[in-house]
All heavy atoms as atom14 arrays in JSON, in Angstrom:
{
  "sequence": "EAGGKFAVISLTSAVQALKEGHIDGLVTAPIN",
  "atom14_mask": [
    [1, 1, 1, 1, 1, 1, 1, 1, 1, 0, 0, 0, 0, 0],
    [1, 1, 1, 1, 1, 0, 0, 0, 0, 0, 0, 0, 0, 0],
    [1, 1, 1, 1, 0, 0, 0, 0, 0, 0, 0, 0, 0, 0],
    [1, 1, 1, 1, 0, 0, 0, 0, 0, 0, 0, 0, 0, 0],
    [1, 1, 1, 1, 1, 1, 1, 1, 1, 0, 0, 0, 0, 0],
    [1, 1, 1, 1, 1, 1, 1, 1, 1, 1, 1, 0, 0, 0],
    [1, 1, 1, 1, 1, 0, 0, 0, 0, 0, 0, 0, 0, 0],
    [1, 1, 1, 1, 1, 1, 1, 0, 0, 0, 0, 0, 0, 0],
    [1, 1, 1, 1, 1, 1, 1, 1, 0, 0, 0, 0, 0, 0],
    [1, 1, 1, 1, 1, 1, 0, 0, 0, 0, 0, 0, 0, 0],
    [1, 1, 1, 1, 1, 1, 1, 1, 0, 0, 0, 0, 0, 0],
    [1, 1, 1, 1, 1, 1, 1, 0, 0, 0, 0, 0, 0, 0],
    [1, 1, 1, 1, 1, 1, 0, 0, 0, 0, 0, 0, 0, 0],
    [1, 1, 1, 1, 1, 0, 0, 0, 0, 0, 0, 0, 0, 0],
    [1, 1, 1, 1, 1, 1, 1, 0, 0, 0, 0, 0, 0, 0],
    [1, 1, 1, 1, 1, 1, 1, 1, 1, 0, 0, 0, 0, 0],
    [1, 1, 1, 1, 1, 0, 0, 0, 0, 0, 0, 0, 0, 0],
    [1, 1, 1, 1, 1, 1, 1, 1, 0, 0, 0, 0, 0, 0],
    [1, 1, 1, 1, 1, 1, 1, 1, 1, 0, 0, 0, 0, 0],
    [1, 1, 1, 1, 1, 1, 1, 1, 1, 0, 0, 0, 0, 0],
    [1, 1, 1, 1, 0, 0, 0, 0, 0, 0, 0, 0, 0, 0],
    [1, 1, 1, 1, 1, 1, 1, 1, 1, 1, 0, 0, 0, 0],
    [1, 1, 1, 1, 1, 1, 1, 1, 0, 0, 0, 0, 0, 0],
    [1, 1, 1, 1, 1, 1, 1, 1, 0, 0, 0, 0, 0, 0],
    [1, 1, 1, 1, 0, 0, 0, 0, 0, 0, 0, 0, 0, 0],
    [1, 1, 1, 1, 1, 1, 1, 1, 0, 0, 0, 0, 0, 0],
    [1, 1, 1, 1, 1, 1, 1, 0, 0, 0, 0, 0, 0, 0],
    [1, 1, 1, 1, 1, 1, 1, 0, 0, 0, 0, 0, 0, 0],
    [1, 1, 1, 1, 1, 0, 0, 0, 0, 0, 0, 0, 0, 0],
    [1, 1, 1, 1, 1, 1, 1, 0, 0, 0, 0, 0, 0, 0],
    [1, 1, 1, 1, 1, 1, 1, 1, 0, 0, 0, 0, 0, 0],
    [1, 1, 1, 1, 1, 1, 1, 1, 0, 0, 0, 0, 0, 0]
  ],
  "atom14_positions": [
    [[-18.82, -4.19, -19.89], [-18.11, -3.48, -18.9], [-19.03, -2.63, -17.97], [-18.88, -2.6, -16.81], [-17.09, -2.5, -19.43], [-16.26, -1.75, -18.49], [-15.23, -0.81, -19.05], [-14.95, -0.97, -20.29], [-14.63, 0.0, -18.43], [0.0, 0.0, 0.0], [0.0, 0.0, 0.0], [0.0, 0.0, 0.0], [0.0, 0.0, 0.0], [0.0, 0.0, 0.0]],
    [[-20.04, -2.02, -18.65], [-20.99, -1.2, -17.88], [-21.88, -2.04, -16.95], [-22.23, -1.72, -15.87], [-21.94, -0.51, -18.88], [0.0, 0.0, 0.0], [0.0, 0.0, 0.0], [0.0, 0.0, 0.0], [0.0, 0.0, 0.0], [0.0, 0.0, 0.0], [0.0, 0.0, 0.0], [0.0, 0.0, 0.0], [0.0, 0.0, 0.0], [0.0, 0.0, 0.0]],
    [[-22.29, -3.26, -17.38], [-23.02, -4.17, -16.57], [-22.35, -4.47, -15.25], [-22.97, -4.53, -14.24], [0.0, 0.0, 0.0], [0.0, 0.0, 0.0], [0.0, 0.0, 0.0], [0.0, 0.0, 0.0], [0.0, 0.0, 0.0], [0.0, 0.0, 0.0], [0.0, 0.0, 0.0], [0.0, 0.0, 0.0], [0.0, 0.0, 0.0], [0.0, 0.0, 0.0]],
    [[-21.04, -4.64, -15.27], [-20.27, -4.92, -14.06], [-19.98, -3.73, -13.35], [-20.04, -3.67, -12.09], [0.0, 0.0, 0.0], [0.0, 0.0, 0.0], [0.0, 0.0, 0.0], [0.0, 0.0, 0.0], [0.0, 0.0, 0.0], [0.0, 0.0, 0.0], [0.0, 0.0, 0.0], [0.0, 0.0, 0.0], [0.0, 0.0, 0.0], [0.0, 0.0, 0.0]],
    [[-19.62, -2.56, -13.99], [-19.37, -1.29, -13.26], [-20.52, -0.85, -12.42], [-20.37, -0.53, -11.25], [-19.05, -0.24, -14.34], [-18.95, 1.21, -13.72], [-18.81, 2.18, -14.84], [-18.68, 3.63, -14.25], [-18.68, 4.68, -15.31], [0.0, 0.0, 0.0], [0.0, 0.0, 0.0], [0.0, 0.0, 0.0], [0.0, 0.0, 0.0], [0.0, 0.0, 0.0]],
    [[-21.76, -0.94, -12.92], [-22.93, -0.42, -12.1], [-23.52, -1.42, -11.19], [-24.13, -1.05, -10.18], [-23.99, 0.14, -13.08], [-23.65, 1.42, -13.81], [-23.04, 1.35, -15.06], [-23.81, 2.56, -13.16], [-22.59, 2.53, -15.72], [-23.43, 3.75, -13.75], [-22.87, 3.79, -15.08], [0.0, 0.0, 0.0], [0.0, 0.0, 0.0], [0.0, 0.0, 0.0]],
    [[-23.02, -2.64, -11.4], [-23.34, -3.75, -10.29], [-22.57, -3.34, -9.04], [-23.07, -3.44, -7.99], [-22.99, -5.1, -10.88], [0.0, 0.0, 0.0], [0.0, 0.0, 0.0], [0.0, 0.0, 0.0], [0.0, 0.0, 0.0], [0.0, 0.0, 0.0], [0.0, 0.0, 0.0], [0.0, 0.0, 0.0], [0.0, 0.0, 0.0], [0.0, 0.0, 0.0]],
    [[-21.28, -3.05, -9.3], [-20.37, -2.7, -8.23], [-20.95, -1.38, -7.47], [-20.84, -1.27, -6.23], [-18.98, -2.56, -8.64], [-18.01, -2.02, -7.53], [-18.39, -3.92, -9.1], [0.0, 0.0, 0.0], [0.0, 0.0, 0.0], [0.0, 0.0, 0.0], [0.0, 0.0, 0.0], [0.0, 0.0, 0.0], [0.0, 0.0, 0.0], [0.0, 0.0, 0.0]],
    [[-21.32, -0.4, -8.29], [-21.75, 0.82, -7.69], [-23.03, 0.6, -6.84], [-23.15, 1.02, -5.68], [-22.22, 1.74, -8.75], [-20.84, 2.41, -9.42], [-23.05, 3.01, -8.26], [-21.15, 3.26, -10.65], [0.0, 0.0, 0.0], [0.0, 0.0, 0.0], [0.0, 0.0, 0.0], [0.0, 0.0, 0.0], [0.0, 0.0, 0.0], [0.0, 0.0, 0.0]],
    [[-23.9, -0.29, -7.36], [-25.05, -0.67, -6.49], [-24.66, -1.39, -5.18], [-25.25, -1.14, -4.14], [-25.96, -1.6, -7.38], [-26.99, -2.24, -6.53], [0.0, 0.0, 0.0], [0.0, 0.0, 0.0], [0.0, 0.0, 0.0], [0.0, 0.0, 0.0], [0.0, 0.0, 0.0], [0.0, 0.0, 0.0], [0.0, 0.0, 0.0], [0.0, 0.0, 0.0]],
    [[-23.82, -2.39, -5.39], [-23.33, -3.08, -4.15], [-22.68, -2.21, -3.18], [-23.0, -2.34, -1.95], [-22.37, -4.19, -4.56], [-21.74, -5.0, -3.45], [-22.71, -5.81, -2.66], [-20.76, -6.06, -4.05], [0.0, 0.0, 0.0], [0.0, 0.0, 0.0], [0.0, 0.0, 0.0], [0.0, 0.0, 0.0], [0.0, 0.0, 0.0], [0.0, 0.0, 0.0]],
    [[-21.7, -1.41, -3.49], [-20.97, -0.52, -2.65], [-21.9, 0.56, -2.02], [-21.85, 0.86, -0.74], [-19.77, 0.12, -3.31], [-20.21, 0.82, -4.44], [-18.7, -0.85, -3.65], [0.0, 0.0, 0.0], [0.0, 0.0, 0.0], [0.0, 0.0, 0.0], [0.0, 0.0, 0.0], [0.0, 0.0, 0.0], [0.0, 0.0, 0.0], [0.0, 0.0, 0.0]],
    [[-22.86, 0.94, -2.73], [-23.84, 1.89, -2.13], [-24.77, 1.21, -1.13], [-24.92, 1.8, 0.03], [-24.79, 2.48, -3.29], [-24.03, 3.25, -4.23], [0.0, 0.0, 0.0], [0.0, 0.0, 0.0], [0.0, 0.0, 0.0], [0.0, 0.0, 0.0], [0.0, 0.0, 0.0], [0.0, 0.0, 0.0], [0.0, 0.0, 0.0], [0.0, 0.0, 0.0]],
    [[-25.06, -0.02, -1.25], [-25.92, -0.7, -0.35], [-25.11, -1.13, 0.95], [-25.65, -0.88, 2.01], [-26.34, -1.98, -0.99], [0.0, 0.0, 0.0], [0.0, 0.0, 0.0], [0.0, 0.0, 0.0], [0.0, 0.0, 0.0], [0.0, 0.0, 0.0], [0.0, 0.0, 0.0], [0.0, 0.0, 0.0], [0.0, 0.0, 0.0], [0.0, 0.0, 0.0]],
    [[-23.88, -1.36, 0.75], [-22.92, -1.75, 1.9], [-22.8, -0.51, 2.79], [-22.84, -0.43, 3.92], [-21.72, -2.35, 1.4], [-20.71, -2.33, 2.54], [-21.98, -3.75, 0.9], [0.0, 0.0, 0.0], [0.0, 0.0, 0.0], [0.0, 0.0, 0.0], [0.0, 0.0, 0.0], [0.0, 0.0, 0.0], [0.0, 0.0, 0.0], [0.0, 0.0, 0.0]],
    [[-22.55, 0.68, 2.14], [-22.5, 1.96, 2.9], [-23.71, 2.26, 3.65], [-23.64, 2.59, 4.82], [-22.21, 3.13, 1.88], [-21.82, 4.43, 2.54], [-20.59, 4.31, 3.51], [-19.64, 3.59, 3.08], [-20.52, 4.99, 4.58], [0.0, 0.0, 0.0], [0.0, 0.0, 0.0], [0.0, 0.0, 0.0], [0.0, 0.0, 0.0], [0.0, 0.0, 0.0]],
    [[-24.94, 1.95, 3.04], [-26.09, 2.19, 3.75], [-26.28, 1.15, 4.93], [-26.73, 1.64, 6.04], [-27.28, 2.02, 2.87], [0.0, 0.0, 0.0], [0.0, 0.0, 0.0], [0.0, 0.0, 0.0], [0.0, 0.0, 0.0], [0.0, 0.0, 0.0], [0.0, 0.0, 0.0], [0.0, 0.0, 0.0], [0.0, 0.0, 0.0], [0.0, 0.0, 0.0]],
    [[-25.82, 0.05, 4.72], [-25.81, -1.0, 5.81], [-24.87, -0.57, 6.96], [-25.27, -0.67, 8.15], [-25.36, -2.41, 5.26], [-25.58, -3.58, 6.16], [-27.11, -3.75, 6.53], [-25.19, -4.86, 5.44], [0.0, 0.0, 0.0], [0.0, 0.0, 0.0], [0.0, 0.0, 0.0], [0.0, 0.0, 0.0], [0.0, 0.0, 0.0], [0.0, 0.0, 0.0]],
    [[-23.68, -0.16, 6.62], [-22.79, 0.27, 7.68], [-23.32, 1.59, 8.41], [-23.01, 1.61, 9.71], [-21.34, 0.78, 6.99], [-20.63, -0.39, 6.5], [-19.26, 0.19, 5.93], [-18.38, -0.93, 5.56], [-17.06, -0.45, 4.98], [0.0, 0.0, 0.0], [0.0, 0.0, 0.0], [0.0, 0.0, 0.0], [0.0, 0.0, 0.0], [0.0, 0.0, 0.0]],
    [[-24.03, 2.36, 7.71], [-24.56, 3.61, 8.43], [-25.92, 3.36, 9.16], [-26.48, 4.14, 9.74], [-24.88, 4.74, 7.33], [-23.46, 5.17, 6.8], [-23.62, 6.2, 5.72], [-24.81, 6.41, 5.26], [-22.61, 6.77, 5.14], [0.0, 0.0, 0.0], [0.0, 0.0, 0.0], [0.0, 0.0, 0.0], [0.0, 0.0, 0.0], [0.0, 0.0, 0.0]],
    [[-26.4, 2.14, 9.03], [-27.61, 1.72, 9.73], [-28.96, 2.1, 9.15], [-30.05, 2.17, 9.62], [0.0, 0.0, 0.0], [0.0, 0.0, 0.0], [0.0, 0.0, 0.0], [0.0, 0.0, 0.0], [0.0, 0.0, 0.0], [0.0, 0.0, 0.0], [0.0, 0.0, 0.0], [0.0, 0.0, 0.0], [0.0, 0.0, 0.0], [0.0, 0.0, 0.0]],
    [[-28.82, 2.58, 7.83], [-30.16, 2.88, 7.09], [-30.93, 1.75, 6.68], [-32.06, 1.84, 6.48], [-29.74, 3.77, 5.8], [-29.02, 5.0, 6.1], [-29.65, 6.01, 6.96], [-27.86, 5.6, 5.77], [-28.83, 7.08, 7.07], [-27.7, 6.8, 6.36], [0.0, 0.0, 0.0], [0.0, 0.0, 0.0], [0.0, 0.0, 0.0], [0.0, 0.0, 0.0]],
    [[-30.24, 0.56, 6.55], [-30.88, -0.63, 6.24], [-30.49, -1.67, 7.16], [-29.36, -1.56, 7.87], [-30.7, -1.24, 4.71], [-29.11, -1.47, 4.54], [-31.09, -0.21, 3.7], [-28.76, -1.96, 3.14], [0.0, 0.0, 0.0], [0.0, 0.0, 0.0], [0.0, 0.0, 0.0], [0.0, 0.0, 0.0], [0.0, 0.0, 0.0], [0.0, 0.0, 0.0]],
    [[-31.37, -2.74, 7.46], [-31.08, -3.67, 8.48], [-30.45, -5.02, 7.91], [-30.03, -5.84, 8.65], [-32.4, -3.96, 9.22], [-32.98, -2.8, 9.87], [-32.33, -2.27, 10.66], [-34.04, -2.4, 9.42], [0.0, 0.0, 0.0], [0.0, 0.0, 0.0], [0.0, 0.0, 0.0], [0.0, 0.0, 0.0], [0.0, 0.0, 0.0], [0.0, 0.0, 0.0]],
    [[-30.57, -5.24, 6.61], [-30.03, -6.41, 5.99], [-29.79, -6.14, 4.49], [-30.3, -5.25, 4.02], [0.0, 0.0, 0.0], [0.0, 0.0, 0.0], [0.0, 0.0, 0.0], [0.0, 0.0, 0.0], [0.0, 0.0, 0.0], [0.0, 0.0, 0.0], [0.0, 0.0, 0.0], [0.0, 0.0, 0.0], [0.0, 0.0, 0.0], [0.0, 0.0, 0.0]],
    [[-29.06, -7.16, 3.86], [-28.69, -6.91, 2.4], [-28.99, -8.22, 1.72], [-28.55, -9.28, 2.14], [-27.23, -6.59, 2.38], [-26.69, -6.46, 0.82], [-27.45, -5.44, 0.12], [-25.13, -6.28, 0.99], [0.0, 0.0, 0.0], [0.0, 0.0, 0.0], [0.0, 0.0, 0.0], [0.0, 0.0, 0.0], [0.0, 0.0, 0.0], [0.0, 0.0, 0.0]],
    [[-29.68, -8.14, 0.57], [-29.83, -9.22, -0.37], [-29.14, -8.72, -1.62], [-29.4, -7.77, -2.21], [-31.38, -9.44, -0.64], [-31.49, -10.58, -1.63], [-32.02, -9.78, 0.61], [0.0, 0.0, 0.0], [0.0, 0.0, 0.0], [0.0, 0.0, 0.0], [0.0, 0.0, 0.0], [0.0, 0.0, 0.0], [0.0, 0.0, 0.0], [0.0, 0.0, 0.0]],
    [[-28.28, -9.72, -2.11], [-27.53, -9.28, -3.35], [-27.94, -10.1, -4.57], [-28.03, -11.35, -4.47], [-25.96, -9.51, -3.12], [-25.82, -10.93, -2.76], [-25.46, -8.68, -1.92], [0.0, 0.0, 0.0], [0.0, 0.0, 0.0], [0.0, 0.0, 0.0], [0.0, 0.0, 0.0], [0.0, 0.0, 0.0], [0.0, 0.0, 0.0], [0.0, 0.0, 0.0]],
    [[-28.23, -9.43, -5.66], [-28.43, -10.06, -6.89], [-27.1, -10.45, -7.49], [-26.14, -9.9, -7.25], [-29.2, -9.19, -7.85], [0.0, 0.0, 0.0], [0.0, 0.0, 0.0], [0.0, 0.0, 0.0], [0.0, 0.0, 0.0], [0.0, 0.0, 0.0], [0.0, 0.0, 0.0], [0.0, 0.0, 0.0], [0.0, 0.0, 0.0], [0.0, 0.0, 0.0]],
    [[-27.2, -11.45, -8.45], [-25.95, -12.07, -8.98], [-25.04, -11.02, -9.78], [-25.58, -10.2, -10.54], [-26.33, -13.14, -9.86], [-27.77, -13.4, -9.41], [-28.3, -12.19, -8.94], [0.0, 0.0, 0.0], [0.0, 0.0, 0.0], [0.0, 0.0, 0.0], [0.0, 0.0, 0.0], [0.0, 0.0, 0.0], [0.0, 0.0, 0.0], [0.0, 0.0, 0.0]],
    [[-23.72, -11.16, -9.63], [-22.78, -10.38, -10.39], [-21.9, -11.45, -11.16], [-21.89, -12.65, -10.86], [-21.82, -9.44, -9.57], [-21.06, -10.28, -8.43], [-22.81, -8.42, -8.86], [-20.06, -9.51, -7.63], [0.0, 0.0, 0.0], [0.0, 0.0, 0.0], [0.0, 0.0, 0.0], [0.0, 0.0, 0.0], [0.0, 0.0, 0.0], [0.0, 0.0, 0.0]],
    [[-21.17, -11.0, -12.04], [-20.14, -11.83, -12.85], [-18.72, -11.38, -12.52], [-18.42, -10.21, -12.73], [-20.48, -11.7, -14.33], [-19.71, -12.69, -15.21], [-18.49, -12.75, -15.18], [-20.54, -13.66, -15.79], [0.0, 0.0, 0.0], [0.0, 0.0, 0.0], [0.0, 0.0, 0.0], [0.0, 0.0, 0.0], [0.0, 0.0, 0.0], [0.0, 0.0, 0.0]]
  ]
}
């Protein structure tokens, strides 16, 4: 459960940074 929970936290944090213009592109590592 923890493996998936923190994968989502990482993804949503990155997407928020993308929306706010802090990063220019996103590369996602695999989730289950």
